[in-house]
Amino acid sequence: VNSALVTLSRGDPETQYVVCKNIHAILVIFPNLICNSLDSFYVRFTDPPYVKLEKLRLLLKLVTPSTACQILKELEEYSSEVDLVFAEEVVKGIATVALKIESVAPSCVELLLRIVGRRPELLPQVITSCKNIVRKYPEQLVLETLIIEHGADAVAEEDAKVSLIWMLGEFCDFITDGKPIITRFIDELMSHEQPVQMAILSAVIKMFLRDPVGMEQTLNIVLDTLTTRSNDPDLRDRAYAYWRLLSKGVGVAKMKQIVHGHQVPITVESTFSDAMTMADLKKSINTAAVVFGKPFQSFLPPYGLV
């Protein structure tokens, strides 16, 4: 089966795409099936974008402690791709390797810094990827380096802003210029998207719990703004909840328990598709359902099912 799949994966682009989709599905069921055939799935310059993305997914699926360094070298080459969408997926892939293989996490962070040094347009995706890495490995925090070299003002995308602000709040003890940066976001609080406003509120609360005296005025500004000017009920209610806790004299230690709560560990998704269960997947190998990533009953009429 191994050699047959590898042979099929060298066909025309359309065949490669279908084969890669099926291999990915098979690997969910039989994880060790194609461990020794990495080079068959290296991305080639002539591959169309849809094949490149599937090959990248396969490489990330096949990564192991023994192949991680080899795959990282490939990813570094792929990061030079002109196609920005593919380059962003490569950056995400580097974070995935770090999350799967702890021993190469420092190398992954160094690689991300080199990539953003060459390609500043990838800064938003690098920040988001670094956030995912430090959730699992806090010692790999490099936010200050990114801010010094590129500036917080260069971050314009919503997800990247949320990631940046989350790290400012979560690791405020280790970021020297965290308060001036968060203050700039607060100055334009009502012009930001709702997820960014929520991230600012959470970050300011965390910073207040670390430095109640220094952050009291800033926290009051944020709470007053959100409770009086925000039209979003979730955001406004959370601001009111924090304000009530503070007004009732809840201690800092108790507030920390409430704010930080239970930290859910970050994991690497191992499923083939959110729309397909394992039972669906086993019935769908070598069918259009695998290519679409949906169970066949979702796109075939009832009379077409046997």
Protein backbone atom coordinates (compact mmCIF):
# COMPACT_ATOMS: atom_id res chain seq x y z
CA VAL A 1 0.00 0.00 0.00
CA ASN A 2 2.82 2.38 0.90
CA SER A 3 4.69 2.08 -2.40
CA ALA A 4 1.47 2.18 -4.43
CA LEU A 5 0.36 5.44 -2.82
CA VAL A 6 3.79 7.01 -3.29
CA THR A 7 3.78 6.03 -6.97
CA LEU A 8 0.33 7.52 -7.49
CA SER A 9 1.42 10.75 -5.79
CA ARG A 10 3.84 11.41 -8.69
CA GLY A 11 1.14 11.74 -11.32
CA ASP A 12 -0.42 14.86 -12.84
CA PRO A 13 -1.46 17.67 -10.45
CA GLU A 14 -5.11 16.60 -10.30
CA THR A 15 -4.14 13.03 -9.43
CA GLN A 16 -1.62 14.27 -6.86
CA TYR A 17 -4.31 16.33 -5.18
CA VAL A 18 -6.76 13.44 -4.91
CA VAL A 19 -4.04 11.04 -3.75
CA CYS A 20 -2.74 13.49 -1.13
CA LYS A 21 -6.28 13.98 0.20
CA ASN A 22 -6.75 10.22 0.51
CA ILE A 23 -3.33 9.71 2.10
CA HIS A 24 -4.15 12.36 4.68
CA ALA A 25 -7.41 10.58 5.47
CA ILE A 26 -5.66 7.20 5.68
CA LEU A 27 -3.03 8.65 8.04
CA VAL A 28 -5.76 9.65 10.48
CA ILE A 29 -6.77 5.98 10.62
CA PHE A 30 -3.26 4.44 10.27
CA PRO A 31 -0.78 7.09 11.54
CA ASN A 32 2.42 5.11 10.80
CA LEU A 33 1.64 4.03 7.25
CA ILE A 34 3.96 6.36 5.27
CA CYS A 35 6.61 7.40 7.79
CA ASN A 36 9.58 6.66 5.48
CA SER A 37 8.43 8.45 2.33
CA LEU A 38 8.79 12.13 3.24
CA ASP A 39 10.68 13.17 0.10
CA SER A 40 7.76 12.04 -2.07
CA PHE A 41 5.66 14.85 -0.62
CA TYR A 42 8.14 17.72 -0.81
CA VAL A 43 6.64 20.74 -2.53
CA ARG A 44 7.98 21.41 -6.02
CA PHE A 45 8.24 24.81 -7.64
CA THR A 46 6.00 23.66 -10.51
CA ASP A 47 3.19 22.37 -8.25
CA PRO A 48 -0.07 24.35 -8.46
CA PRO A 49 -1.17 26.09 -5.24
CA TYR A 50 -3.81 23.51 -4.29
CA VAL A 51 -1.24 20.69 -4.49
CA LYS A 52 1.31 22.69 -2.51
CA LEU A 53 -1.15 23.19 0.34
CA GLU A 54 -2.05 19.49 0.47
CA LYS A 55 1.60 18.43 0.43
CA LEU A 56 2.30 20.88 3.24
CA ARG A 57 -0.54 19.37 5.30
CA LEU A 58 0.90 15.91 4.71
CA LEU A 59 4.41 16.92 5.79
CA LEU A 60 3.00 18.37 9.01
CA LYS A 61 1.02 15.18 9.55
CA LEU A 62 4.14 13.06 9.05
CA VAL A 63 6.49 15.07 11.28
CA THR A 64 8.21 13.08 14.04
CA PRO A 65 11.12 13.84 16.40
CA SER A 66 13.51 12.18 13.94
CA THR A 67 12.22 14.06 10.88
CA ALA A 68 11.43 17.45 12.46
CA CYS A 69 14.75 19.12 11.58
CA GLN A 70 14.53 17.86 8.00
CA ILE A 71 11.00 19.19 7.61
CA LEU A 72 11.95 22.55 9.15
CA LYS A 73 14.64 22.98 6.47
CA GLU A 74 11.99 22.37 3.83
CA LEU A 75 9.62 24.86 5.48
CA GLU A 76 12.34 27.51 5.54
CA GLU A 77 12.69 27.14 1.77
CA TYR A 78 8.93 27.26 1.27
CA SER A 79 8.72 30.51 3.28
CA SER A 80 10.35 32.30 0.32
CA GLU A 81 7.36 31.50 -1.92
CA VAL A 82 5.93 34.48 -3.78
CA ASP A 83 2.40 33.24 -3.03
CA LEU A 84 1.60 35.05 0.23
CA VAL A 85 -1.25 32.67 1.16
CA PHE A 86 1.07 29.66 0.92
CA ALA A 87 3.83 31.49 2.81
CA GLU A 88 1.35 32.23 5.63
CA GLU A 89 0.39 28.55 5.75
CA VAL A 90 4.09 27.69 6.01
CA VAL A 91 4.43 30.01 9.02
CA LYS A 92 1.43 28.29 10.63
CA GLY A 93 3.08 24.97 9.84
CA ILE A 94 6.27 25.95 11.67
CA ALA A 95 4.19 26.64 14.78
CA THR A 96 2.50 23.26 14.35
CA VAL A 97 5.89 21.53 14.28
CA ALA A 98 6.86 23.34 17.49
CA LEU A 99 3.64 22.26 19.20
CA LYS A 100 4.07 18.64 18.12
CA ILE A 101 7.81 18.27 18.81
CA GLU A 102 9.00 20.06 21.96
CA SER A 103 12.71 19.51 21.25
CA VAL A 104 12.62 21.72 18.13
CA ALA A 105 10.47 24.53 19.59
CA PRO A 106 13.48 26.90 20.05
CA SER A 107 14.56 26.22 16.45
CA CYS A 108 11.03 26.97 15.24
CA VAL A 109 10.98 30.32 17.06
CA GLU A 110 14.40 31.25 15.63
CA LEU A 111 13.17 30.30 12.16
CA LEU A 112 10.08 32.49 12.54
CA LEU A 113 12.29 35.45 13.50
CA ARG A 114 14.49 34.87 10.44
CA ILE A 115 11.45 34.66 8.17
CA VAL A 116 9.89 37.90 9.41
CA GLY A 117 13.30 39.56 9.06
CA ARG A 118 13.27 38.66 5.36
CA ARG A 119 9.56 39.15 4.80
CA PRO A 120 8.00 41.82 7.05
CA GLU A 121 4.62 41.27 5.38
CA LEU A 122 4.42 37.97 7.28
CA LEU A 123 4.63 39.73 10.66
CA PRO A 124 0.90 39.29 11.51
CA GLN A 125 1.04 35.54 10.92
CA VAL A 126 4.35 35.24 12.78
CA ILE A 127 2.87 37.01 15.83
CA THR A 128 -0.17 34.70 15.80
CA SER A 129 2.08 31.65 15.48
CA CYS A 130 4.34 32.85 18.30
CA LYS A 131 1.28 33.25 20.51
CA ASN A 132 0.33 29.62 19.92
CA ILE A 133 3.88 28.50 20.72
CA VAL A 134 4.20 30.47 23.98
CA ARG A 135 0.85 29.14 25.18
CA LYS A 136 2.60 25.77 25.41
CA TYR A 137 6.20 26.93 25.93
CA PRO A 138 6.16 30.28 27.82
CA GLU A 139 9.96 30.34 27.88
CA GLN A 140 9.96 30.87 24.09
CA LEU A 141 8.48 34.39 24.38
CA VAL A 142 10.05 36.65 21.72
CA LEU A 143 7.39 39.38 21.53
CA GLU A 144 9.74 42.10 22.72
CA THR A 145 12.19 41.26 19.93
CA LEU A 146 9.42 41.50 17.33
CA ILE A 147 8.19 44.83 18.74
CA ILE A 148 11.68 46.35 18.83
CA GLU A 149 12.49 45.30 15.26
CA HIS A 150 9.12 45.91 13.59
CA GLY A 151 6.97 48.03 15.94
CA ALA A 152 3.53 47.29 17.34
CA ASP A 153 1.98 49.81 14.93
CA ALA A 154 2.86 47.52 12.01
CA VAL A 155 0.27 45.00 13.21
CA ALA A 156 -2.99 45.75 11.41
CA GLU A 157 -4.79 42.38 11.09
CA GLU A 158 -7.41 41.54 13.72
CA ASP A 159 -6.05 38.10 14.70
CA ALA A 160 -2.53 39.45 15.01
CA LYS A 161 -3.71 42.35 17.21
CA VAL A 162 -5.56 39.92 19.48
CA SER A 163 -2.47 37.69 19.71
CA LEU A 164 -0.19 40.65 20.42
CA ILE A 165 -2.47 42.05 23.13
CA TRP A 166 -2.94 38.61 24.71
CA MET A 167 0.83 38.22 25.06
CA LEU A 168 1.14 41.76 26.49
CA GLY A 169 -1.32 40.84 29.23
CA GLU A 170 -0.24 37.27 29.87
CA PHE A 171 3.49 38.06 30.06
CA CYS A 172 3.41 41.67 31.27
CA ASP A 173 6.01 40.84 33.95
CA PHE A 174 8.56 40.05 31.23
CA ILE A 175 7.80 42.75 28.63
CA THR A 176 9.49 46.05 29.47
CA ASP A 177 7.40 48.38 27.28
CA GLY A 178 4.09 46.56 27.66
CA LYS A 179 2.21 49.41 29.33
CA PRO A 180 2.99 52.11 26.70
CA ILE A 181 1.97 49.69 23.94
CA ILE A 182 -1.34 48.73 25.55
CA THR A 183 -1.99 52.43 26.23
CA ARG A 184 -1.79 53.15 22.50
CA PHE A 185 -4.44 50.50 21.87
CA ILE A 186 -6.60 51.95 24.66
CA ASP A 187 -6.41 55.44 23.14
CA GLU A 188 -8.29 54.07 20.10
CA LEU A 189 -10.35 51.54 22.03
CA MET A 190 -13.72 52.18 20.38
CA SER A 191 -12.27 52.09 16.86
CA HIS A 192 -11.08 48.49 17.22
CA GLU A 193 -13.02 45.34 16.32
CA GLN A 194 -14.92 43.55 19.12
CA PRO A 195 -12.37 40.70 19.54
CA VAL A 196 -9.58 43.28 19.89
CA GLN A 197 -11.60 45.24 22.48
CA MET A 198 -12.19 42.02 24.43
CA ALA A 199 -8.47 41.23 24.30
CA ILE A 200 -7.63 44.74 25.56
CA LEU A 201 -10.03 44.36 28.49
CA SER A 202 -8.57 40.98 29.47
CA ALA A 203 -4.99 42.22 29.10
CA VAL A 204 -5.59 45.35 31.21
CA ILE A 205 -7.20 43.27 33.97
CA LYS A 206 -4.19 40.92 34.00
CA MET A 207 -1.77 43.86 34.12
CA PHE A 208 -3.79 45.43 36.93
CA LEU A 209 -3.55 42.24 38.99
CA ARG A 210 0.25 42.36 38.62
CA ASP A 211 0.51 46.10 39.33
CA PRO A 212 -2.69 47.41 41.03
CA VAL A 213 -1.30 50.87 41.81
CA GLY A 214 0.27 51.54 38.43
CA MET A 215 -2.65 50.22 36.37
CA GLU A 216 -5.64 51.45 38.40
CA GLN A 217 -6.25 54.59 36.36
CA THR A 218 -5.83 52.75 33.05
CA LEU A 219 -8.27 50.05 34.15
CA ASN A 220 -10.86 52.66 35.20
CA ILE A 221 -10.64 54.30 31.77
CA VAL A 222 -11.18 50.97 29.99
CA LEU A 223 -14.08 49.89 32.21
CA ASP A 224 -15.78 53.28 31.99
CA THR A 225 -15.43 53.40 28.20
CA LEU A 226 -16.76 49.89 27.62
CA THR A 227 -19.68 50.13 30.05
CA THR A 228 -20.90 53.49 28.74
CA ARG A 229 -20.04 53.44 25.03
CA SER A 230 -19.99 49.82 23.89
CA ASN A 231 -23.04 48.39 22.11
CA ASP A 232 -21.79 44.82 22.34
CA PRO A 233 -23.63 43.02 25.20
CA ASP A 234 -20.89 40.42 25.81
CA LEU A 235 -18.19 43.05 26.04
CA ARG A 236 -20.25 45.40 28.18
CA ASP A 237 -21.36 42.61 30.54
CA ARG A 238 -17.80 41.40 31.04
CA ALA A 239 -16.67 44.94 31.86
CA TYR A 240 -19.53 45.27 34.37
CA ALA A 241 -18.61 41.90 35.90
CA TYR A 242 -15.02 43.00 36.48
CA TRP A 243 -16.20 46.32 37.88
CA ARG A 244 -18.56 44.63 40.35
CA LEU A 245 -15.82 42.28 41.52
CA LEU A 246 -13.52 45.24 42.14
CA SER A 247 -16.21 47.34 43.84
CA LYS A 248 -17.11 44.51 46.22
CA GLY A 249 -13.53 44.39 47.47
CA VAL A 250 -12.60 40.99 46.06
CA GLY A 251 -8.91 40.49 46.83
CA VAL A 252 -6.21 40.38 44.16
CA ALA A 253 -5.51 36.70 44.87
CA LYS A 254 -9.18 35.78 44.37
CA MET A 255 -9.37 37.94 41.24
CA LYS A 256 -6.36 36.11 39.81
CA GLN A 257 -8.17 32.80 40.27
CA ILE A 258 -11.23 34.16 38.49
CA VAL A 259 -9.37 35.86 35.62
CA HIS A 260 -6.81 33.17 34.89
CA GLY A 261 -9.02 30.22 35.78
CA HIS A 262 -8.26 26.88 34.15
CA GLN A 263 -5.79 27.20 31.29
CA VAL A 264 -6.82 24.81 28.51
CA PRO A 265 -3.67 23.22 27.03
CA ILE A 266 -3.17 23.87 23.33
CA THR A 267 -3.17 20.76 21.15
CA VAL A 268 -2.53 20.04 17.48
CA GLU A 269 -5.68 19.06 15.62
CA SER A 270 -5.40 15.45 14.44
CA THR A 271 -8.74 15.06 12.66
CA PHE A 272 -9.15 15.06 8.89
CA SER A 273 -12.21 17.30 8.78
CA ASP A 274 -14.49 18.85 11.37
CA ALA A 275 -17.45 17.67 9.29
CA MET A 276 -16.43 13.98 9.29
CA THR A 277 -16.35 11.47 12.11
CA MET A 278 -13.93 8.54 12.12
CA ALA A 279 -16.77 6.26 10.95
CA ASP A 280 -17.49 8.63 8.04
CA LEU A 281 -13.82 8.69 7.14
CA LYS A 282 -13.44 4.91 7.04
CA LYS A 283 -16.39 4.65 4.64
CA SER A 284 -15.16 7.50 2.45
CA ILE A 285 -11.63 6.46 1.42
CA ASN A 286 -11.22 6.67 -2.37
CA THR A 287 -14.47 8.59 -2.81
CA ALA A 288 -15.39 12.19 -3.56
CA ALA A 289 -16.26 12.63 0.11
CA VAL A 290 -12.56 12.68 1.02
CA VAL A 291 -11.82 15.32 -1.62
CA PHE A 292 -14.69 17.52 -0.41
CA GLY A 293 -13.92 16.84 3.27
CA LYS A 294 -17.61 16.14 3.92
CA PRO A 295 -19.61 12.95 4.56
CA PHE A 296 -21.22 11.78 1.32
CA GLN A 297 -24.75 12.18 2.67
CA SER A 298 -24.17 15.94 2.93
CA PHE A 299 -23.79 16.45 -0.83
CA LEU A 300 -25.61 13.47 -2.40
CA PRO A 301 -29.41 13.20 -2.57
CA PRO A 302 -30.98 10.34 -0.59
CA TYR A 303 -31.87 8.42 -3.75
CA GLY A 304 -28.20 8.45 -4.75
CA LEU A 305 -27.10 6.48 -1.70
CA VAL A 306 -26.85 2.72 -1.70
